[in-house]
Protein backbone atom coordinates (compact mmCIF):
# COMPACT_ATOMS: atom_id res chain seq x y z
CA MET A 1 -21.91 59.58 -53.26
CA PRO A 2 -25.49 57.05 -53.52
CA GLY A 3 -27.17 57.99 -57.13
CA ASN A 4 -25.39 61.24 -57.62
CA ILE A 5 -28.62 62.69 -54.65
CA GLU A 6 -27.46 66.06 -53.54
CA PHE A 7 -28.83 65.59 -50.34
CA PHE A 8 -25.96 63.18 -49.67
CA GLN A 9 -23.15 65.51 -50.95
CA TYR A 10 -21.05 66.61 -48.01
CA ASP A 11 -17.43 67.17 -48.12
CA TRP A 12 -16.09 66.73 -44.35
CA LYS A 13 -12.60 68.13 -45.63
CA LYS A 14 -14.04 71.77 -45.65
CA THR A 15 -15.22 72.43 -42.43
CA GLY A 16 -11.92 72.48 -41.44
CA GLY A 17 -11.62 69.28 -39.11
CA TRP A 18 -14.05 70.33 -36.25
CA ASN A 19 -16.29 67.41 -37.08
CA LEU A 20 -13.29 65.03 -36.09
CA THR A 21 -12.70 66.94 -33.00
CA PHE A 22 -16.29 66.78 -32.01
CA ILE A 23 -16.19 62.75 -32.79
CA ALA A 24 -12.75 62.83 -30.49
CA GLY A 25 -14.17 64.80 -27.80
CA THR A 26 -17.67 62.40 -27.73
CA VAL A 27 -15.68 59.38 -27.45
CA VAL A 28 -13.23 60.68 -24.57
CA GLY A 29 -16.20 62.03 -22.83
CA GLY A 30 -17.93 58.59 -23.26
CA PHE A 31 -15.23 56.79 -21.76
CA ILE A 32 -14.81 59.58 -19.16
CA ALA A 33 -18.28 58.98 -18.08
CA GLY A 34 -18.75 54.98 -18.83
CA TRP A 35 -15.22 54.39 -16.77
CA LEU A 36 -13.98 57.13 -14.47
CA LEU A 37 -17.29 58.43 -13.49
CA ASN A 38 -19.41 54.75 -13.44
CA ASN A 39 -21.68 54.50 -10.33
CA PRO A 40 -21.37 51.12 -9.67
CA ALA A 41 -24.61 50.92 -7.65
CA ALA A 42 -27.61 49.59 -9.17
CA ILE A 43 -30.65 51.43 -9.90
CA ASN A 44 -33.87 51.42 -8.43
CA LEU A 45 -36.93 50.27 -10.79
CA SER A 46 -40.17 49.63 -10.01
CA SER A 47 -42.05 46.38 -10.13
CA GLN A 48 -43.87 46.61 -13.02
CA THR A 49 -40.88 47.15 -15.11
CA ILE A 50 -39.00 44.55 -13.98
CA SER A 51 -41.78 42.49 -14.61
CA GLU A 52 -42.50 43.97 -18.00
CA LEU A 53 -38.23 43.78 -18.71
CA GLN A 54 -38.35 40.35 -17.65
CA GLY A 55 -41.12 39.07 -19.92
CA LEU A 56 -39.21 40.52 -22.92
CA GLY A 57 -36.25 38.53 -21.97
CA ILE A 58 -33.95 40.98 -20.07
CA THR A 59 -33.09 39.57 -16.31
CA ASP A 60 -29.96 41.37 -15.29
CA PHE A 61 -30.54 44.54 -13.44
CA SER A 62 -27.11 44.69 -12.30
CA GLY A 63 -25.93 47.98 -13.76
CA MET A 64 -27.25 51.03 -15.56
CA MET A 65 -28.25 49.12 -18.81
CA PRO A 66 -28.52 45.19 -18.63
CA ASP A 67 -25.93 42.97 -19.79
CA ASP A 68 -28.76 41.28 -21.29
CA PHE A 69 -29.26 43.83 -24.34
CA PHE A 70 -26.04 45.80 -23.88
CA SER A 71 -23.40 44.08 -23.83
CA TRP A 72 -19.99 42.84 -26.35
CA GLN A 73 -21.50 39.14 -26.58
CA ASN A 74 -24.90 40.54 -28.30
CA LEU A 75 -23.07 43.21 -30.42
CA GLY A 76 -22.39 39.90 -32.87
CA THR A 77 -26.04 38.46 -33.03
CA LEU A 78 -28.46 39.46 -35.33
CA GLN A 79 -30.19 41.35 -32.74
CA GLY A 80 -27.67 43.59 -31.72
CA LEU A 81 -26.26 43.93 -35.42
CA ILE A 82 -29.90 45.07 -36.43
CA VAL A 83 -29.71 47.66 -33.38
CA MET A 84 -26.12 49.13 -33.98
CA ILE A 85 -26.24 49.03 -38.21
CA VAL A 86 -29.82 49.72 -38.76
CA GLY A 87 -30.76 51.91 -35.45
CA GLY A 88 -27.29 53.89 -36.29
CA PHE A 89 -28.39 54.39 -39.59
CA LEU A 90 -31.58 55.14 -38.73
CA VAL A 91 -30.52 57.84 -36.20
CA GLY A 92 -27.68 59.70 -38.60
CA PHE A 93 -30.15 59.86 -41.66
CA GLY A 94 -32.97 61.28 -39.55
CA ALA A 95 -30.63 63.87 -37.97
CA ARG A 96 -29.41 64.68 -41.45
CA TYR A 97 -32.78 64.75 -42.76
CA ALA A 98 -34.40 66.61 -40.03
CA GLY A 99 -31.48 69.40 -40.39
CA GLY A 100 -30.18 68.99 -36.78
CA CYS A 101 -30.23 66.38 -34.08
CA THR A 102 -32.91 66.06 -31.36
CA SER A 103 -31.48 67.78 -28.95
CA ASP A 104 -30.48 70.64 -31.09
CA HIS A 105 -34.24 70.72 -32.14
CA ALA A 106 -35.76 70.31 -29.02
CA ILE A 107 -33.78 72.87 -26.77
CA SER A 108 -32.87 75.63 -29.23
CA GLY A 109 -35.50 74.71 -32.20
CA LEU A 110 -38.08 75.14 -29.58
CA ALA A 111 -36.54 77.90 -27.44
CA ASN A 112 -36.45 80.21 -31.09
CA LEU A 113 -40.10 78.99 -31.62
CA GLN A 114 -39.69 77.45 -34.93
CA TRP A 115 -41.89 75.95 -36.35
CA ALA A 116 -39.94 73.21 -38.16
CA SER A 117 -38.09 72.30 -34.92
CA LEU A 118 -41.89 71.47 -33.03
CA LEU A 119 -42.67 69.17 -36.01
CA ALA A 120 -39.73 67.50 -35.81
CA VAL A 121 -39.69 67.09 -32.45
CA ILE A 122 -42.77 65.39 -32.37
CA GLY A 123 -41.22 63.21 -35.16
CA PHE A 124 -38.58 62.27 -32.96
CA PHE A 125 -40.91 61.17 -30.30
CA ALA A 126 -43.45 59.49 -32.50
CA GLY A 127 -40.47 57.39 -34.01
CA GLY A 128 -38.99 56.59 -30.26
CA LEU A 129 -42.81 55.33 -29.15
CA ILE A 130 -43.26 53.37 -32.42
CA ILE A 131 -39.91 51.91 -32.06
CA THR A 132 -40.12 51.07 -28.33
CA TYR A 133 -43.73 49.54 -28.19
CA LEU A 134 -43.47 48.06 -32.01
CA VAL A 135 -40.16 47.11 -32.94
CA TYR A 136 -38.14 46.39 -29.93
CA PRO A 137 -40.85 43.51 -28.97
CA LEU A 138 -40.24 41.80 -32.15
CA ILE A 139 -36.44 42.27 -32.02
CA LEU A 140 -35.85 41.29 -28.30
C-alpha cells in the first residue's frame, strides 16, 4: 500500500469476488461488441472534423477508431504508452477519488440531485476538455 495512506487501503478479497466478475463481464462484453457486433461501414465525419484530425496526423478514417492512433502497433510507442498507462491511472484514480465512475455520477447522482455528483460531473467534463484541446495535440 503506497505510503500507508488510508485512501489506498482496499482489500478486494473482502468484496466476495463481484469485482472480478464485473471485470470478466467487461472483457467479454468488449469482445462481443468489437468482434461479433462490429459494423464494418465507415462513420460519416464532417469535412471540418476530417481536416482537423489530418492536421493532428490522423489520416485513416476507415473504421470507428482511426488506426493511426488506436492500433496494436501504436501501443508500443511512447505516445501509446502515455495514453494507456497515464490515462488508465488517471481514470482509475479519478473514479476512486470521486467515489464512483463518470456514468454513476452523471446518471444516478444527478438523478438524485446530489451536489457532489454535480461537482464530479463538472470536473469530468472540464478534465475531458483540457485533455482534448491541450494535452492530445501535444502527444499526437
